[in-house]
């Protein structure tokens, strides 16, 4: 999912601008993955 978009300013220069809602969602997904990485497996199972 893209979280930034190209915009053109008054001088005709193109730059990328992040969408705050999408950037927050991507950050939330990263935090969830980091938490999952440090979650021990259920007892009784081995990996």
PDB file of N, CA and C in Angstrom:
ATOM      1  N   UNK A   1       0.854  -1.170   0.000  1.00  0.00           N
ATOM      2  CA  UNK A   1       0.000   0.000   0.000  1.00  0.00           C
ATOM      3  C   UNK A   1       0.902   1.235   0.000  1.00  0.00           C
ATOM      4  N   UNK A   2       0.723   2.109  -0.973  1.00  0.00           N
ATOM      5  CA  UNK A   2       1.544   3.325  -0.985  1.00  0.00           C
ATOM      6  C   UNK A   2       1.170   4.249   0.165  1.00  0.00           C
ATOM      7  N   UNK A   3       2.164   4.905   0.733  1.00  0.00           N
ATOM      8  CA  UNK A   3       1.856   5.841   1.816  1.00  0.00           C
ATOM      9  C   UNK A   3       2.347   7.248   1.518  1.00  0.00           C
ATOM     10  N   UNK A   4       2.894   7.452   0.319  1.00  0.00           N
ATOM     11  CA  UNK A   4       3.238   8.809  -0.098  1.00  0.00           C
ATOM     12  C   UNK A   4       2.843   8.968  -1.563  1.00  0.00           C
ATOM     13  N   UNK A   5       2.610  10.208  -1.933  1.00  0.00           N
ATOM     14  CA  UNK A   5       2.126  10.495  -3.266  1.00  0.00           C
ATOM     15  C   UNK A   5       2.889  11.667  -3.854  1.00  0.00           C
ATOM     16  N   UNK A   6       3.012  11.673  -5.176  1.00  0.00           N
ATOM     17  CA  UNK A   6       3.685  12.769  -5.858  1.00  0.00           C
ATOM     18  C   UNK A   6       2.767  13.981  -5.913  1.00  0.00           C
ATOM     19  N   UNK A   7       3.334  15.122  -5.607  1.00  0.00           N
ATOM     20  CA  UNK A   7       2.616  16.388  -5.749  1.00  0.00           C
ATOM     21  C   UNK A   7       3.523  17.362  -6.474  1.00  0.00           C
ATOM     22  N   UNK A   8       2.915  18.295  -7.160  1.00  0.00           N
ATOM     23  CA  UNK A   8       3.664  19.323  -7.869  1.00  0.00           C
ATOM     24  C   UNK A   8       3.426  20.658  -7.178  1.00  0.00           C
ATOM     25  N   UNK A   9       4.513  21.366  -6.855  1.00  0.00           N
ATOM     26  CA  UNK A   9       4.361  22.649  -6.167  1.00  0.00           C
ATOM     27  C   UNK A   9       4.130  23.778  -7.173  1.00  0.00           C
ATOM     28  N   UNK A  10       4.048  24.987  -6.679  1.00  0.00           N
ATOM     29  CA  UNK A  10       3.754  26.155  -7.520  1.00  0.00           C
ATOM     30  C   UNK A  10       4.837  26.422  -8.569  1.00  0.00           C
ATOM     31  N   UNK A  11       6.061  25.941  -8.297  1.00  0.00           N
ATOM     32  CA  UNK A  11       7.162  26.134  -9.243  1.00  0.00           C
ATOM     33  C   UNK A  11       7.248  25.008 -10.274  1.00  0.00           C
ATOM     34  N   UNK A  12       6.330  24.040 -10.194  1.00  0.00           N
ATOM     35  CA  UNK A  12       6.336  22.922 -11.123  1.00  0.00           C
ATOM     36  C   UNK A  12       7.260  21.793 -10.724  1.00  0.00           C
ATOM     37  N   UNK A  13       7.821  21.860  -9.514  1.00  0.00           N
ATOM     38  CA  UNK A  13       8.705  20.814  -9.032  1.00  0.00           C
ATOM     39  C   UNK A  13       7.886  19.690  -8.391  1.00  0.00           C
ATOM     40  N   UNK A  14       8.298  18.465  -8.670  1.00  0.00           N
ATOM     41  CA  UNK A  14       7.600  17.298  -8.137  1.00  0.00           C
ATOM     42  C   UNK A  14       8.292  16.829  -6.864  1.00  0.00           C
ATOM     43  N   UNK A  15       7.509  16.492  -5.861  1.00  0.00           N
ATOM     44  CA  UNK A  15       8.047  15.927  -4.626  1.00  0.00           C
ATOM     45  C   UNK A  15       7.023  14.974  -4.036  1.00  0.00           C
ATOM     46  N   UNK A  16       7.465  14.143  -3.116  1.00  0.00           N
ATOM     47  CA  UNK A  16       6.580  13.168  -2.485  1.00  0.00           C
ATOM     48  C   UNK A  16       6.093  13.707  -1.146  1.00  0.00           C
ATOM     49  N   UNK A  17       4.810  13.466  -0.879  1.00  0.00           N
ATOM     50  CA  UNK A  17       4.203  13.896   0.372  1.00  0.00           C
ATOM     51  C   UNK A  17       3.546  12.669   1.007  1.00  0.00           C
ATOM     52  N   UNK A  18       3.885  12.419   2.264  1.00  0.00           N
ATOM     53  CA  UNK A  18       3.317  11.269   2.967  1.00  0.00           C
ATOM     54  C   UNK A  18       1.875  11.543   3.374  1.00  0.00           C
ATOM     55  N   UNK A  19       1.036  10.525   3.262  1.00  0.00           N
ATOM     56  CA  UNK A  19      -0.332  10.590   3.755  1.00  0.00           C
ATOM     57  C   UNK A  19      -0.286  10.176   5.224  1.00  0.00           C
ATOM     58  N   UNK A  20      -0.671  11.052   6.161  1.00  0.00           N
ATOM     59  CA  UNK A  20      -0.528  10.747   7.591  1.00  0.00           C
ATOM     60  C   UNK A  20      -1.267   9.481   8.036  1.00  0.00           C
ATOM     61  N   UNK A  21      -2.457   9.246   7.528  1.00  0.00           N
ATOM     62  CA  UNK A  21      -3.207   8.053   7.938  1.00  0.00           C
ATOM     63  C   UNK A  21      -2.527   6.776   7.463  1.00  0.00           C
ATOM     64  N   UNK A  22      -2.057   6.781   6.232  1.00  0.00           N
ATOM     65  CA  UNK A  22      -1.392   5.580   5.710  1.00  0.00           C
ATOM     66  C   UNK A  22      -0.035   5.366   6.369  1.00  0.00           C
ATOM     67  N   UNK A  23       0.694   6.448   6.633  1.00  0.00           N
ATOM     68  CA  UNK A  23       1.978   6.316   7.317  1.00  0.00           C
ATOM     69  C   UNK A  23       1.774   5.742   8.719  1.00  0.00           C
ATOM     70  N   UNK A  24       0.715   6.167   9.403  1.00  0.00           N
ATOM     71  CA  UNK A  24       0.414   5.639  10.740  1.00  0.00           C
ATOM     72  C   UNK A  24       0.080   4.153  10.665  1.00  0.00           C
ATOM     73  N   UNK A  25      -0.621   3.759   9.621  1.00  0.00           N
ATOM     74  CA  UNK A  25      -0.972   2.344   9.477  1.00  0.00           C
ATOM     75  C   UNK A  25       0.278   1.495   9.239  1.00  0.00           C
ATOM     76  N   UNK A  26       1.176   1.978   8.385  1.00  0.00           N
ATOM     77  CA  UNK A  26       2.418   1.250   8.127  1.00  0.00           C
ATOM     78  C   UNK A  26       3.247   1.154   9.410  1.00  0.00           C
ATOM     79  N   UNK A  27       3.308   2.242  10.172  1.00  0.00           N
ATOM     80  CA  UNK A  27       4.050   2.227  11.441  1.00  0.00           C
ATOM     81  C   UNK A  27       3.411   1.250  12.426  1.00  0.00           C
ATOM     82  N   UNK A  28       2.090   1.219  12.470  1.00  0.00           N
ATOM     83  CA  UNK A  28       1.391   0.283  13.356  1.00  0.00           C
ATOM     84  C   UNK A  28       1.681  -1.160  12.993  1.00  0.00           C
ATOM     85  N   UNK A  29       1.748  -1.445  11.710  1.00  0.00           N
ATOM     86  CA  UNK A  29       2.074  -2.801  11.258  1.00  0.00           C
ATOM     87  C   UNK A  29       3.503  -3.168  11.668  1.00  0.00           C
ATOM     88  N   UNK A  30       4.423  -2.226  11.544  1.00  0.00           N
ATOM     89  CA  UNK A  30       5.813  -2.485  11.943  1.00  0.00           C
ATOM     90  C   UNK A  30       5.910  -2.767  13.439  1.00  0.00           C
ATOM     91  N   UNK A  31       5.171  -2.012  14.241  1.00  0.00           N
ATOM     92  CA  UNK A  31       5.176  -2.230  15.695  1.00  0.00           C
ATOM     93  C   UNK A  31       4.592  -3.601  16.024  1.00  0.00           C
ATOM     94  N   UNK A  32       3.508  -3.978  15.350  1.00  0.00           N
ATOM     95  CA  UNK A  32       2.887  -5.289  15.593  1.00  0.00           C
ATOM     96  C   UNK A  32       3.853  -6.421  15.245  1.00  0.00           C
ATOM     97  N   UNK A  33       4.590  -6.281  14.153  1.00  0.00           N
ATOM     98  CA  UNK A  33       5.572  -7.307  13.774  1.00  0.00           C
ATOM     99  C   UNK A  33       6.703  -7.379  14.794  1.00  0.00           C
ATOM    100  N   UNK A  34       7.128  -6.236  15.300  1.00  0.00           N
ATOM    101  CA  UNK A  34       8.194  -6.224  16.307  1.00  0.00           C
ATOM    102  C   UNK A  34       7.725  -6.906  17.591  1.00  0.00           C
ATOM    103  N   UNK A  35       6.481  -6.643  17.995  1.00  0.00           N
ATOM    104  CA  UNK A  35       5.940  -7.307  19.189  1.00  0.00           C
ATOM    105  C   UNK A  35       5.852  -8.819  18.977  1.00  0.00           C
ATOM    106  N   UNK A  36       5.379  -9.214  17.819  1.00  0.00           N
ATOM    107  CA  UNK A  36       5.240 -10.638  17.520  1.00  0.00           C
ATOM    108  C   UNK A  36       6.595 -11.331  17.540  1.00  0.00           C
ATOM    109  N   UNK A  37       7.624 -10.641  17.062  1.00  0.00           N
ATOM    110  CA  UNK A  37       8.968 -11.214  17.046  1.00  0.00           C
ATOM    111  C   UNK A  37       9.448 -11.559  18.448  1.00  0.00           C
ATOM    112  N   UNK A  38       9.009 -10.795  19.441  1.00  0.00           N
ATOM    113  CA  UNK A  38       9.455 -11.014  20.827  1.00  0.00           C
ATOM    114  C   UNK A  38       8.432 -11.760  21.673  1.00  0.00           C
ATOM    115  N   UNK A  39       7.442 -12.356  21.036  1.00  0.00           N
ATOM    116  CA  UNK A  39       6.434 -13.147  21.743  1.00  0.00           C
ATOM    117  C   UNK A  39       6.889 -14.595  21.756  1.00  0.00           C
ATOM    118  N   UNK A  40       6.996 -15.203  22.946  1.00  0.00           N
ATOM    119  CA  UNK A  40       7.430 -16.593  22.996  1.00  0.00           C
ATOM    120  C   UNK A  40       6.348 -17.525  22.411  1.00  0.00           C
ATOM    121  N   UNK A  41       6.755 -18.661  21.864  1.00  0.00           N
ATOM    122  CA  UNK A  41       5.764 -19.610  21.325  1.00  0.00           C
ATOM    123  C   UNK A  41       4.928 -20.197  22.464  1.00  0.00           C
ATOM    124  N   UNK A  42       3.749 -20.697  22.169  1.00  0.00           N
ATOM    125  CA  UNK A  42       2.924 -21.319  23.208  1.00  0.00           C
ATOM    126  C   UNK A  42       3.670 -22.498  23.837  1.00  0.00           C
ATOM    127  N   UNK A  43       3.439 -22.726  25.115  1.00  0.00           N
ATOM    128  CA  UNK A  43       4.138 -23.826  25.792  1.00  0.00           C
ATOM    129  C   UNK A  43       3.678 -25.160  25.210  1.00  0.00           C
ATOM    130  N   UNK A  44       4.591 -26.128  25.179  1.00  0.00           N
ATOM    131  CA  UNK A  44       4.276 -27.440  24.649  1.00  0.00           C
ATOM    132  C   UNK A  44       4.657 -27.594  23.190  1.00  0.00           C
ATOM    133  N   UNK A  45       4.989 -26.507  22.532  1.00  0.00           N
ATOM    134  CA  UNK A  45       5.413 -26.594  21.131  1.00  0.00           C
ATOM    135  C   UNK A  45       6.879 -26.244  21.029  1.00  0.00           C
ATOM    136  N   UNK A  46       7.549 -26.837  20.102  1.00  0.00           N
ATOM    137  CA  UNK A  46       8.954 -26.484  19.868  1.00  0.00           C
ATOM    138  C   UNK A  46       9.101 -26.003  18.445  1.00  0.00           C
ATOM    139  N   UNK A  47      10.113 -25.155  18.233  1.00  0.00           N
ATOM    140  CA  UNK A  47      10.334 -24.675  16.862  1.00  0.00           C
ATOM    141  C   UNK A  47      11.718 -24.953  16.391  1.00  0.00           C
TER     142      UNK A  47
END
